[in-house]
Amino acid sequence: MRKKILAFDEVLLIIQQAEKLLADNEFEIPSAHIMQLVSSSSCSAYDCEFVALAQYLNVPLITADKKVLREFPNIAKSLDSYFA
């Protein structure tokens, strides 16, 4: 919108379509768990939300973020190590 590529109405339509696609596919992770991860690591709350979600879903967190890989080696996996 800022670059005048899309009009305001087009942006709203795209957002509405995205929200429909995401409906019932969102997860709520308790903030206390996220803050516990923050306090035990040097990662941001933003990064810890992804770690917490991977833990909740019991799946590996595939990432290129070196800090997340270092701080959470039990759940965070690099692309190379995951596909090896």
C-alpha atoms as a PDB file:
ATOM      1  CA  MET A   1       0.000   0.000   0.000  1.00  0.00           C
ATOM      2  CA  ARG A   2       2.831   2.387   0.873  1.00  0.00           C
ATOM      3  CA  LYS A   3       4.499   1.726  -2.455  1.00  0.00           C
ATOM      4  CA  LYS A   4       1.203   2.280  -4.274  1.00  0.00           C
ATOM      5  CA  ILE A   5       1.179  -1.316  -5.549  1.00  0.00           C
ATOM      6  CA  LEU A   6      -2.148  -2.165  -3.897  1.00  0.00           C
ATOM      7  CA  ALA A   7      -5.107   0.026  -3.055  1.00  0.00           C
ATOM      8  CA  PHE A   8      -6.534   0.141   0.470  1.00  0.00           C
ATOM      9  CA  ASP A   9      -9.592  -1.907  -0.535  1.00  0.00           C
ATOM     10  CA  GLU A  10      -7.392  -4.557  -2.149  1.00  0.00           C
ATOM     11  CA  VAL A  11      -5.312  -4.822   1.017  1.00  0.00           C
ATOM     12  CA  LEU A  12      -8.433  -5.293   3.142  1.00  0.00           C
ATOM     13  CA  LEU A  13      -9.676  -8.032   0.827  1.00  0.00           C
ATOM     14  CA  ILE A  14      -6.336  -9.857   1.008  1.00  0.00           C
ATOM     15  CA  ILE A  15      -6.324  -9.590   4.809  1.00  0.00           C
ATOM     16  CA  GLN A  16      -9.870 -10.960   5.005  1.00  0.00           C
ATOM     17  CA  GLN A  17      -8.930 -13.888   2.759  1.00  0.00           C
ATOM     18  CA  ALA A  18      -5.847 -14.629   4.871  1.00  0.00           C
ATOM     19  CA  GLU A  19      -7.907 -14.513   8.069  1.00  0.00           C
ATOM     20  CA  LYS A  20     -10.374 -17.003   6.576  1.00  0.00           C
ATOM     21  CA  LEU A  21      -7.534 -19.353   5.664  1.00  0.00           C
ATOM     22  CA  LEU A  22      -6.091 -19.128   9.171  1.00  0.00           C
ATOM     23  CA  ALA A  23      -9.410 -19.547  10.978  1.00  0.00           C
ATOM     24  CA  ASP A  24      -9.334 -22.558  13.291  1.00  0.00           C
ATOM     25  CA  ASN A  25      -5.639 -23.041  12.535  1.00  0.00           C
ATOM     26  CA  GLU A  26      -4.224 -20.872  15.288  1.00  0.00           C
ATOM     27  CA  PHE A  27      -2.781 -21.933  18.627  1.00  0.00           C
ATOM     28  CA  GLU A  28      -2.666 -20.146  21.961  1.00  0.00           C
ATOM     29  CA  ILE A  29       0.402 -20.796  24.035  1.00  0.00           C
ATOM     30  CA  PRO A  30       0.344 -19.638  27.672  1.00  0.00           C
ATOM     31  CA  SER A  31       2.372 -16.455  28.081  1.00  0.00           C
ATOM     32  CA  ALA A  32       3.894 -17.836  31.283  1.00  0.00           C
ATOM     33  CA  HIS A  33       5.490 -20.663  29.307  1.00  0.00           C
ATOM     34  CA  ILE A  34       6.876 -18.238  26.728  1.00  0.00           C
ATOM     35  CA  MET A  35       8.276 -15.974  29.444  1.00  0.00           C
ATOM     36  CA  GLN A  36       9.832 -18.998  31.155  1.00  0.00           C
ATOM     37  CA  LEU A  37      11.680 -19.753  27.906  1.00  0.00           C
ATOM     38  CA  VAL A  38      12.737 -16.104  27.639  1.00  0.00           C
ATOM     39  CA  SER A  39      14.083 -16.075  31.188  1.00  0.00           C
ATOM     40  CA  SER A  40      16.092 -19.266  30.627  1.00  0.00           C
ATOM     41  CA  SER A  41      17.612 -18.165  27.321  1.00  0.00           C
ATOM     42  CA  SER A  42      18.960 -15.144  25.491  1.00  0.00           C
ATOM     43  CA  CYS A  43      16.183 -15.328  22.880  1.00  0.00           C
ATOM     44  CA  SER A  44      13.421 -12.792  22.356  1.00  0.00           C
ATOM     45  CA  ALA A  45       9.814 -13.432  23.331  1.00  0.00           C
ATOM     46  CA  TYR A  46       9.023 -13.488  19.607  1.00  0.00           C
ATOM     47  CA  ASP A  47      11.481 -16.346  19.037  1.00  0.00           C
ATOM     48  CA  CYS A  48      10.339 -18.156  22.171  1.00  0.00           C
ATOM     49  CA  GLU A  49       6.758 -18.180  20.893  1.00  0.00           C
ATOM     50  CA  PHE A  50       7.911 -20.430  18.043  1.00  0.00           C
ATOM     51  CA  VAL A  51       9.896 -22.631  20.422  1.00  0.00           C
ATOM     52  CA  ALA A  52       6.891 -22.951  22.740  1.00  0.00           C
ATOM     53  CA  LEU A  53       4.586 -23.823  19.849  1.00  0.00           C
ATOM     54  CA  ALA A  54       6.974 -26.523  18.612  1.00  0.00           C
ATOM     55  CA  GLN A  55       7.125 -27.917  22.145  1.00  0.00           C
ATOM     56  CA  TYR A  56       3.323 -27.827  22.436  1.00  0.00           C
ATOM     57  CA  LEU A  57       2.906 -29.630  19.094  1.00  0.00           C
ATOM     58  CA  ASN A  58       5.803 -31.969  19.872  1.00  0.00           C
ATOM     59  CA  VAL A  59       7.482 -31.252  16.538  1.00  0.00           C
ATOM     60  CA  PRO A  60      10.958 -29.975  15.677  1.00  0.00           C
ATOM     61  CA  LEU A  61      11.381 -26.265  15.061  1.00  0.00           C
ATOM     62  CA  ILE A  62      13.173 -25.946  11.727  1.00  0.00           C
ATOM     63  CA  THR A  63      15.068 -22.666  11.706  1.00  0.00           C
ATOM     64  CA  ALA A  64      18.117 -20.857  10.399  1.00  0.00           C
ATOM     65  CA  ASP A  65      18.258 -18.679  13.519  1.00  0.00           C
ATOM     66  CA  LYS A  66      21.635 -19.435  15.090  1.00  0.00           C
ATOM     67  CA  LYS A  67      20.645 -18.183  18.525  1.00  0.00           C
ATOM     68  CA  VAL A  68      17.515 -20.354  18.642  1.00  0.00           C
ATOM     69  CA  LEU A  69      19.538 -23.343  17.428  1.00  0.00           C
ATOM     70  CA  ARG A  70      22.127 -22.757  20.152  1.00  0.00           C
ATOM     71  CA  GLU A  71      19.669 -22.048  22.973  1.00  0.00           C
ATOM     72  CA  PHE A  72      17.173 -24.834  22.202  1.00  0.00           C
ATOM     73  CA  PRO A  73      19.156 -27.735  20.695  1.00  0.00           C
ATOM     74  CA  ASN A  74      16.599 -30.320  21.810  1.00  0.00           C
ATOM     75  CA  ILE A  75      13.792 -28.860  19.688  1.00  0.00           C
ATOM     76  CA  ALA A  76      15.431 -26.494  17.191  1.00  0.00           C
ATOM     77  CA  LYS A  77      16.960 -28.075  14.097  1.00  0.00           C
ATOM     78  CA  SER A  78      18.755 -26.525  11.142  1.00  0.00           C
ATOM     79  CA  LEU A  79      17.516 -27.308   7.649  1.00  0.00           C
ATOM     80  CA  ASP A  80      20.663 -29.290   6.944  1.00  0.00           C
ATOM     81  CA  SER A  81      20.426 -31.412  10.078  1.00  0.00           C
ATOM     82  CA  TYR A  82      16.708 -32.007   9.631  1.00  0.00           C
ATOM     83  CA  PHE A  83      17.031 -33.278   6.073  1.00  0.00           C
ATOM     84  CA  ALA A  84      20.241 -35.246   6.719  1.00  0.00           C
END
